[in-house]
Amino acid sequence: MIKISISEIQKKPSIFKSEEILDVIDKRDHKEIGVFIPKKYEKYFKKIIEEIEKSKKLDILKKIKKIDKDMDIWDEVVDDGL
């Protein structure tokens, strides 16, 4: 994994062509901004991302169900695991 700043990316955008995972940081604030993952690793992360998205949607449905207790249909939708 290579630590890289935004300014370094601007100076050398070809860094994205490398096969390395990039840890993007903000050097002024000394904070991590994110991670760039090359396309070759997509198959490893795709399932994880799908699970995260599914979990987020399920949490939203649970909040709606909690607010709108009168609608019995939410039981079927939330328990279905949409």
PDB file of N, CA and C in Angstrom:
ATOM      1  N   MET A   1       0.863  -1.170   0.000  1.00  0.00           N
ATOM      2  CA  MET A   1       0.000   0.000   0.000  1.00  0.00           C
ATOM      3  C   MET A   1       0.907   1.231   0.000  1.00  0.00           C
ATOM      4  N   ILE A   2       0.563   2.177  -0.845  1.00  0.00           N
ATOM      5  CA  ILE A   2       1.347   3.403  -0.970  1.00  0.00           C
ATOM      6  C   ILE A   2       0.541   4.566  -0.398  1.00  0.00           C
ATOM      7  N   LYS A   3       1.149   5.328   0.505  1.00  0.00           N
ATOM      8  CA  LYS A   3       0.511   6.547   1.006  1.00  0.00           C
ATOM      9  C   LYS A   3       0.789   7.654   0.002  1.00  0.00           C
ATOM     10  N   ILE A   4      -0.267   8.368  -0.400  1.00  0.00           N
ATOM     11  CA  ILE A   4      -0.122   9.404  -1.416  1.00  0.00           C
ATOM     12  C   ILE A   4      -1.066  10.560  -1.106  1.00  0.00           C
ATOM     13  N   SER A   5      -0.620  11.767  -1.403  1.00  0.00           N
ATOM     14  CA  SER A   5      -1.454  12.944  -1.157  1.00  0.00           C
ATOM     15  C   SER A   5      -2.165  13.348  -2.439  1.00  0.00           C
ATOM     16  N   ILE A   6      -3.151  14.201  -2.281  1.00  0.00           N
ATOM     17  CA  ILE A   6      -3.907  14.701  -3.435  1.00  0.00           C
ATOM     18  C   ILE A   6      -2.978  15.447  -4.386  1.00  0.00           C
ATOM     19  N   SER A   7      -2.086  16.259  -3.847  1.00  0.00           N
ATOM     20  CA  SER A   7      -1.176  17.032  -4.714  1.00  0.00           C
ATOM     21  C   SER A   7      -0.263  16.100  -5.508  1.00  0.00           C
ATOM     22  N   GLU A   8       0.155  14.997  -4.911  1.00  0.00           N
ATOM     23  CA  GLU A   8       0.983  14.034  -5.640  1.00  0.00           C
ATOM     24  C   GLU A   8       0.193  13.372  -6.764  1.00  0.00           C
ATOM     25  N   ILE A   9      -1.082  13.134  -6.529  1.00  0.00           N
ATOM     26  CA  ILE A   9      -1.939  12.558  -7.575  1.00  0.00           C
ATOM     27  C   ILE A   9      -2.084  13.546  -8.727  1.00  0.00           C
ATOM     28  N   GLN A  10      -2.258  14.831  -8.397  1.00  0.00           N
ATOM     29  CA  GLN A  10      -2.388  15.853  -9.430  1.00  0.00           C
ATOM     30  C   GLN A  10      -1.113  15.975 -10.257  1.00  0.00           C
ATOM     31  N   LYS A  11       0.032  15.861  -9.604  1.00  0.00           N
ATOM     32  CA  LYS A  11       1.311  15.971 -10.307  1.00  0.00           C
ATOM     33  C   LYS A  11       1.594  14.742 -11.162  1.00  0.00           C
ATOM     34  N   LYS A  12       1.140  13.596 -10.697  1.00  0.00           N
ATOM     35  CA  LYS A  12       1.442  12.339 -11.386  1.00  0.00           C
ATOM     36  C   LYS A  12       0.203  11.438 -11.436  1.00  0.00           C
ATOM     37  N   PRO A  13      -0.781  11.795 -12.293  1.00  0.00           N
ATOM     38  CA  PRO A  13      -2.008  10.984 -12.361  1.00  0.00           C
ATOM     39  C   PRO A  13      -1.771   9.561 -12.874  1.00  0.00           C
ATOM     40  N   SER A  14      -0.627   9.315 -13.481  1.00  0.00           N
ATOM     41  CA  SER A  14      -0.326   7.964 -13.970  1.00  0.00           C
ATOM     42  C   SER A  14      -0.166   6.959 -12.826  1.00  0.00           C
ATOM     43  N   ILE A  15      -0.117   7.447 -11.595  1.00  0.00           N
ATOM     44  CA  ILE A  15      -0.012   6.561 -10.429  1.00  0.00           C
ATOM     45  C   ILE A  15      -1.180   5.579 -10.373  1.00  0.00           C
ATOM     46  N   PHE A  16      -2.325   5.969 -10.953  1.00  0.00           N
ATOM     47  CA  PHE A  16      -3.493   5.087 -10.958  1.00  0.00           C
ATOM     48  C   PHE A  16      -3.291   3.869 -11.857  1.00  0.00           C
ATOM     49  N   LYS A  17      -2.316   3.940 -12.742  1.00  0.00           N
ATOM     50  CA  LYS A  17      -2.046   2.809 -13.629  1.00  0.00           C
ATOM     51  C   LYS A  17      -1.251   1.713 -12.926  1.00  0.00           C
ATOM     52  N   SER A  18      -0.717   2.018 -11.771  1.00  0.00           N
ATOM     53  CA  SER A  18       0.045   1.008 -11.039  1.00  0.00           C
ATOM     54  C   SER A  18      -0.912  -0.039 -10.481  1.00  0.00           C
ATOM     55  N   GLU A  19      -0.363  -1.121 -10.065  1.00  0.00           N
ATOM     56  CA  GLU A  19      -1.165  -2.213  -9.516  1.00  0.00           C
ATOM     57  C   GLU A  19      -1.240  -2.135  -7.992  1.00  0.00           C
ATOM     58  N   GLU A  20      -0.800  -1.035  -7.428  1.00  0.00           N
ATOM     59  CA  GLU A  20      -0.755  -0.867  -5.979  1.00  0.00           C
ATOM     60  C   GLU A  20      -2.052  -0.283  -5.428  1.00  0.00           C
ATOM     61  N   ILE A  21      -2.364  -0.634  -4.191  1.00  0.00           N
ATOM     62  CA  ILE A  21      -3.469  -0.006  -3.477  1.00  0.00           C
ATOM     63  C   ILE A  21      -2.930   1.313  -2.934  1.00  0.00           C
ATOM     64  N   LEU A  22      -3.678   2.389  -3.145  1.00  0.00           N
ATOM     65  CA  LEU A  22      -3.239   3.713  -2.728  1.00  0.00           C
ATOM     66  C   LEU A  22      -4.030   4.173  -1.510  1.00  0.00           C
ATOM     67  N   ASP A  23      -3.324   4.627  -0.505  1.00  0.00           N
ATOM     68  CA  ASP A  23      -3.929   5.206   0.693  1.00  0.00           C
ATOM     69  C   ASP A  23      -3.837   6.720   0.515  1.00  0.00           C
ATOM     70  N   VAL A  24      -4.952   7.354   0.192  1.00  0.00           N
ATOM     71  CA  VAL A  24      -4.974   8.782  -0.129  1.00  0.00           C
ATOM     72  C   VAL A  24      -5.132   9.582   1.164  1.00  0.00           C
ATOM     73  N   ILE A  25      -4.199  10.522   1.375  1.00  0.00           N
ATOM     74  CA  ILE A  25      -4.201  11.316   2.598  1.00  0.00           C
ATOM     75  C   ILE A  25      -4.218  12.806   2.281  1.00  0.00           C
ATOM     76  N   ASP A  26      -4.715  13.570   3.232  1.00  0.00           N
ATOM     77  CA  ASP A  26      -4.670  15.029   3.160  1.00  0.00           C
ATOM     78  C   ASP A  26      -3.503  15.454   4.040  1.00  0.00           C
ATOM     79  N   LYS A  27      -2.431  15.906   3.421  1.00  0.00           N
ATOM     80  CA  LYS A  27      -1.216  16.220   4.180  1.00  0.00           C
ATOM     81  C   LYS A  27      -1.375  17.434   5.086  1.00  0.00           C
ATOM     82  N   ARG A  28      -2.265  18.351   4.715  1.00  0.00           N
ATOM     83  CA  ARG A  28      -2.468  19.534   5.555  1.00  0.00           C
ATOM     84  C   ARG A  28      -3.124  19.164   6.881  1.00  0.00           C
ATOM     85  N   ASP A  29      -4.168  18.342   6.807  1.00  0.00           N
ATOM     86  CA  ASP A  29      -4.914  17.955   8.008  1.00  0.00           C
ATOM     87  C   ASP A  29      -4.422  16.644   8.620  1.00  0.00           C
ATOM     88  N   HIS A  30      -3.523  15.975   7.922  1.00  0.00           N
ATOM     89  CA  HIS A  30      -3.011  14.672   8.363  1.00  0.00           C
ATOM     90  C   HIS A  30      -4.158  13.686   8.600  1.00  0.00           C
ATOM     91  N   LYS A  31      -5.087  13.667   7.648  1.00  0.00           N
ATOM     92  CA  LYS A  31      -6.233  12.754   7.718  1.00  0.00           C
ATOM     93  C   LYS A  31      -6.254  11.869   6.487  1.00  0.00           C
ATOM     94  N   GLU A  32      -6.734  10.658   6.684  1.00  0.00           N
ATOM     95  CA  GLU A  32      -6.926   9.765   5.547  1.00  0.00           C
ATOM     96  C   GLU A  32      -8.220  10.138   4.837  1.00  0.00           C
ATOM     97  N   ILE A  33      -8.161  10.217   3.524  1.00  0.00           N
ATOM     98  CA  ILE A  33      -9.336  10.575   2.725  1.00  0.00           C
ATOM     99  C   ILE A  33     -10.025   9.313   2.222  1.00  0.00           C
ATOM    100  N   GLY A  34      -9.239   8.368   1.778  1.00  0.00           N
ATOM    101  CA  GLY A  34      -9.823   7.148   1.257  1.00  0.00           C
ATOM    102  C   GLY A  34      -8.767   6.220   0.713  1.00  0.00           C
ATOM    103  N   VAL A  35      -9.225   5.183   0.059  1.00  0.00           N
ATOM    104  CA  VAL A  35      -8.332   4.173  -0.490  1.00  0.00           C
ATOM    105  C   VAL A  35      -8.718   3.948  -1.943  1.00  0.00           C
ATOM    106  N   PHE A  36      -7.729   3.917  -2.806  1.00  0.00           N
ATOM    107  CA  PHE A  36      -7.955   3.578  -4.206  1.00  0.00           C
ATOM    108  C   PHE A  36      -7.547   2.130  -4.400  1.00  0.00           C
ATOM    109  N   ILE A  37      -8.476   1.334  -4.923  1.00  0.00           N
ATOM    110  CA  ILE A  37      -8.225  -0.087  -5.135  1.00  0.00           C
ATOM    111  C   ILE A  37      -8.234  -0.357  -6.638  1.00  0.00           C
ATOM    112  N   PRO A  38      -7.150  -0.884  -7.177  1.00  0.00           N
ATOM    113  CA  PRO A  38      -7.093  -1.168  -8.614  1.00  0.00           C
ATOM    114  C   PRO A  38      -8.153  -2.188  -9.039  1.00  0.00           C
ATOM    115  N   LYS A  39      -8.507  -2.127 -10.289  1.00  0.00           N
ATOM    116  CA  LYS A  39      -9.542  -2.982 -10.868  1.00  0.00           C
ATOM    117  C   LYS A  39      -9.257  -4.471 -10.652  1.00  0.00           C
ATOM    118  N   LYS A  40      -8.001  -4.852 -10.603  1.00  0.00           N
ATOM    119  CA  LYS A  40      -7.682  -6.282 -10.471  1.00  0.00           C
ATOM    120  C   LYS A  40      -8.178  -6.878  -9.152  1.00  0.00           C
ATOM    121  N   TYR A  41      -8.458  -6.035  -8.161  1.00  0.00           N
ATOM    122  CA  TYR A  41      -8.954  -6.514  -6.868  1.00  0.00           C
ATOM    123  C   TYR A  41     -10.478  -6.438  -6.746  1.00  0.00           C
ATOM    124  N   GLU A  42     -11.144  -6.072  -7.815  1.00  0.00           N
ATOM    125  CA  GLU A  42     -12.596  -5.865  -7.777  1.00  0.00           C
ATOM    126  C   GLU A  42     -13.350  -7.091  -7.274  1.00  0.00           C
ATOM    127  N   LYS A  43     -12.989  -8.265  -7.746  1.00  0.00           N
ATOM    128  CA  LYS A  43     -13.728  -9.475  -7.365  1.00  0.00           C
ATOM    129  C   LYS A  43     -13.667  -9.730  -5.859  1.00  0.00           C
ATOM    130  N   TYR A  44     -12.605  -9.294  -5.201  1.00  0.00           N
ATOM    131  CA  TYR A  44     -12.474  -9.503  -3.757  1.00  0.00           C
ATOM    132  C   TYR A  44     -13.358  -8.537  -2.963  1.00  0.00           C
ATOM    133  N   PHE A  45     -13.518  -7.335  -3.494  1.00  0.00           N
ATOM    134  CA  PHE A  45     -14.241  -6.302  -2.753  1.00  0.00           C
ATOM    135  C   PHE A  45     -15.714  -6.183  -3.143  1.00  0.00           C
ATOM    136  N   LYS A  46     -16.082  -6.697  -4.301  1.00  0.00           N
ATOM    137  CA  LYS A  46     -17.451  -6.548  -4.793  1.00  0.00           C
ATOM    138  C   LYS A  46     -18.472  -7.157  -3.829  1.00  0.00           C
ATOM    139  N   LYS A  47     -18.223  -8.357  -3.346  1.00  0.00           N
ATOM    140  CA  LYS A  47     -19.157  -9.024  -2.437  1.00  0.00           C
ATOM    141  C   LYS A  47     -19.263  -8.261  -1.114  1.00  0.00           C
ATOM    142  N   ILE A  48     -18.136  -7.766  -0.622  1.00  0.00           N
ATOM    143  CA  ILE A  48     -18.146  -6.993   0.625  1.00  0.00           C
ATOM    144  C   ILE A  48     -18.973  -5.723   0.454  1.00  0.00           C
ATOM    145  N   ILE A  49     -18.791  -5.038  -0.657  1.00  0.00           N
ATOM    146  CA  ILE A  49     -19.538  -3.806  -0.918  1.00  0.00           C
ATOM    147  C   ILE A  49     -21.028  -4.095  -1.040  1.00  0.00           C
ATOM    148  N   GLU A  50     -21.386  -5.195  -1.692  1.00  0.00           N
ATOM    149  CA  GLU A  50     -22.795  -5.574  -1.808  1.00  0.00           C
ATOM    150  C   GLU A  50     -23.405  -5.825  -0.434  1.00  0.00           C
ATOM    151  N   GLU A  51     -22.675  -6.486   0.447  1.00  0.00           N
ATOM    152  CA  GLU A  51     -23.166  -6.751   1.804  1.00  0.00           C
ATOM    153  C   GLU A  51     -23.348  -5.455   2.591  1.00  0.00           C
ATOM    154  N   ILE A  52     -22.426  -4.521   2.429  1.00  0.00           N
ATOM    155  CA  ILE A  52     -22.535  -3.224   3.109  1.00  0.00           C
ATOM    156  C   ILE A  52     -23.771  -2.481   2.625  1.00  0.00           C
ATOM    157  N   GLU A  53     -23.986  -2.442   1.308  1.00  0.00           N
ATOM    158  CA  GLU A  53     -25.150  -1.764   0.745  1.00  0.00           C
ATOM    159  C   GLU A  53     -26.449  -2.419   1.209  1.00  0.00           C
ATOM    160  N   LYS A  54     -26.475  -3.741   1.235  1.00  0.00           N
ATOM    161  CA  LYS A  54     -27.665  -4.466   1.687  1.00  0.00           C
ATOM    162  C   LYS A  54     -27.960  -4.129   3.146  1.00  0.00           C
ATOM    163  N   SER A  55     -26.922  -4.078   3.965  1.00  0.00           N
ATOM    164  CA  SER A  55     -27.070  -3.763   5.381  1.00  0.00           C
ATOM    165  C   SER A  55     -27.614  -2.342   5.574  1.00  0.00           C
ATOM    166  N   LYS A  56     -27.119  -1.390   4.777  1.00  0.00           N
ATOM    167  CA  LYS A  56     -27.598  -0.003   4.863  1.00  0.00           C
ATOM    168  C   LYS A  56     -29.086   0.071   4.520  1.00  0.00           C
ATOM    169  N   LYS A  57     -29.473  -0.605   3.445  1.00  0.00           N
ATOM    170  CA  LYS A  57     -30.878  -0.595   3.030  1.00  0.00           C
ATOM    171  C   LYS A  57     -31.772  -1.235   4.091  1.00  0.00           C
ATOM    172  N   LEU A  58     -31.298  -2.312   4.675  1.00  0.00           N
ATOM    173  CA  LEU A  58     -32.067  -2.995   5.714  1.00  0.00           C
ATOM    174  C   LEU A  58     -32.226  -2.111   6.946  1.00  0.00           C
ATOM    175  N   ASP A  59     -31.176  -1.378   7.309  1.00  0.00           N
ATOM    176  CA  ASP A  59     -31.255  -0.443   8.443  1.00  0.00           C
ATOM    177  C   ASP A  59     -32.288   0.651   8.181  1.00  0.00           C
ATOM    178  N   ILE A  60     -32.327   1.158   6.948  1.00  0.00           N
ATOM    179  CA  ILE A  60     -33.310   2.190   6.590  1.00  0.00           C
ATOM    180  C   ILE A  60     -34.723   1.628   6.711  1.00  0.00           C
ATOM    181  N   LEU A  61     -34.926   0.415   6.211  1.00  0.00           N
ATOM    182  CA  LEU A  61     -36.250  -0.202   6.299  1.00  0.00           C
ATOM    183  C   LEU A  61     -36.668  -0.428   7.750  1.00  0.00           C
ATOM    184  N   LYS A  62     -35.722  -0.799   8.591  1.00  0.00           N
ATOM    185  CA  LYS A  62     -36.035  -0.998  10.013  1.00  0.00           C
ATOM    186  C   LYS A  62     -36.436   0.315  10.675  1.00  0.00           C
ATOM    187  N   LYS A  63     -35.782   1.412  10.303  1.00  0.00           N
ATOM    188  CA  LYS A  63     -36.135   2.723  10.854  1.00  0.00           C
ATOM    189  C   LYS A  63     -37.528   3.133  10.400  1.00  0.00           C
ATOM    190  N   ILE A  64     -37.831   2.884   9.138  1.00  0.00           N
ATOM    191  CA  ILE A  64     -39.170   3.208   8.621  1.00  0.00           C
ATOM    192  C   ILE A  64     -40.212   2.381   9.353  1.00  0.00           C
ATOM    193  N   LYS A  65     -39.932   1.103   9.535  1.00  0.00           N
ATOM    194  CA  LYS A  65     -40.868   0.213  10.239  1.00  0.00           C
ATOM    195  C   LYS A  65     -41.113   0.714  11.662  1.00  0.00           C
ATOM    196  N   LYS A  66     -40.066   1.162  12.332  1.00  0.00           N
ATOM    197  CA  LYS A  66     -40.180   1.653  13.697  1.00  0.00           C
ATOM    198  C   LYS A  66     -41.057   2.905  13.759  1.00  0.00           C
ATOM    199  N   ILE A  67     -40.919   3.781  12.777  1.00  0.00           N
ATOM    200  CA  ILE A  67     -41.700   5.016  12.739  1.00  0.00           C
ATOM    201  C   ILE A  67     -43.150   4.746  12.358  1.00  0.00           C
ATOM    202  N   ASP A  68     -43.343   3.884  11.393  1.00  0.00           N
ATOM    203  CA  ASP A  68     -44.675   3.627  10.854  1.00  0.00           C
ATOM    204  C   ASP A  68     -45.160   2.250  11.324  1.00  0.00           C
ATOM    205  N   LYS A  69     -45.479   2.133  12.583  1.00  0.00           N
ATOM    206  CA  LYS A  69     -45.871   0.857  13.175  1.00  0.00           C
ATOM    207  C   LYS A  69     -47.228   0.361  12.690  1.00  0.00           C
ATOM    208  N   ASP A  70     -48.045   1.255  12.135  1.00  0.00           N
ATOM    209  CA  ASP A  70     -49.386   0.873  11.711  1.00  0.00           C
ATOM    210  C   ASP A  70     -49.390   0.009  10.453  1.00  0.00           C
ATOM    211  N   MET A  71     -48.342   0.076   9.687  1.00  0.00           N
ATOM    212  CA  MET A  71     -48.327  -0.680   8.426  1.00  0.00           C
ATOM    213  C   MET A  71     -47.734  -2.073   8.649  1.00  0.00           C
ATOM    214  N   ASP A  72     -48.575  -3.077   8.561  1.00  0.00           N
ATOM    215  CA  ASP A  72     -48.125  -4.452   8.755  1.00  0.00           C
ATOM    216  C   ASP A  72     -47.238  -4.940   7.609  1.00  0.00           C
ATOM    217  N   ILE A  73     -47.335  -4.303   6.477  1.00  0.00           N
ATOM    218  CA  ILE A  73     -46.562  -4.749   5.319  1.00  0.00           C
ATOM    219  C   ILE A  73     -45.062  -4.631   5.556  1.00  0.00           C
ATOM    220  N   TRP A  74     -44.644  -3.727   6.441  1.00  0.00           N
ATOM    221  CA  TRP A  74     -43.209  -3.563   6.709  1.00  0.00           C
ATOM    222  C   TRP A  74     -42.609  -4.821   7.311  1.00  0.00           C
ATOM    223  N   ASP A  75     -43.409  -5.592   8.042  1.00  0.00           N
ATOM    224  CA  ASP A  75     -42.904  -6.837   8.613  1.00  0.00           C
ATOM    225  C   ASP A  75     -42.405  -7.770   7.514  1.00  0.00           C
ATOM    226  N   GLU A  76     -43.183  -7.852   6.460  1.00  0.00           N
ATOM    227  CA  GLU A  76     -42.805  -8.726   5.353  1.00  0.00           C
ATOM    228  C   GLU A  76     -41.566  -8.199   4.619  1.00  0.00           C
ATOM    229  N   VAL A  77     -41.512  -6.899   4.401  1.00  0.00           N
ATOM    230  CA  VAL A  77     -40.407  -6.314   3.652  1.00  0.00           C
ATOM    231  C   VAL A  77     -39.106  -6.396   4.441  1.00  0.00           C
ATOM    232  N   VAL A  78     -39.116  -6.003   5.689  1.00  0.00           N
ATOM    233  CA  VAL A  78     -37.914  -5.989   6.506  1.00  0.00           C
ATOM    234  C   VAL A  78     -37.445  -7.415   6.792  1.00  0.00           C
ATOM    235  N   ASP A  79     -38.358  -8.285   7.166  1.00  0.00           N
ATOM    236  CA  ASP A  79     -37.982  -9.649   7.484  1.00  0.00           C
ATOM    237  C   ASP A  79     -37.554 -10.442   6.250  1.00  0.00           C
ATOM    238  N   ASP A  80     -37.924  -9.940   5.099  1.00  0.00           N
ATOM    239  CA  ASP A  80     -37.533 -10.587   3.841  1.00  0.00           C
ATOM    240  C   ASP A  80     -36.045 -10.377   3.569  1.00  0.00           C
ATOM    241  N   GLY A  81     -35.443  -9.379   4.211  1.00  0.00           N
ATOM    242  CA  GLY A  81     -34.022  -9.120   4.054  1.00  0.00           C
ATOM    243  C   GLY A  81     -33.674  -8.390   2.785  1.00  0.00           C
ATOM    244  N   LEU A  82     -34.622  -7.727   2.209  1.00  0.00           N
ATOM    245  CA  LEU A  82     -34.484  -6.994   0.966  1.00  0.00           C
ATOM    246  C   LEU A  82     -33.099  -6.741   0.543  1.00  0.00           C
TER     247      LEU A  82
END
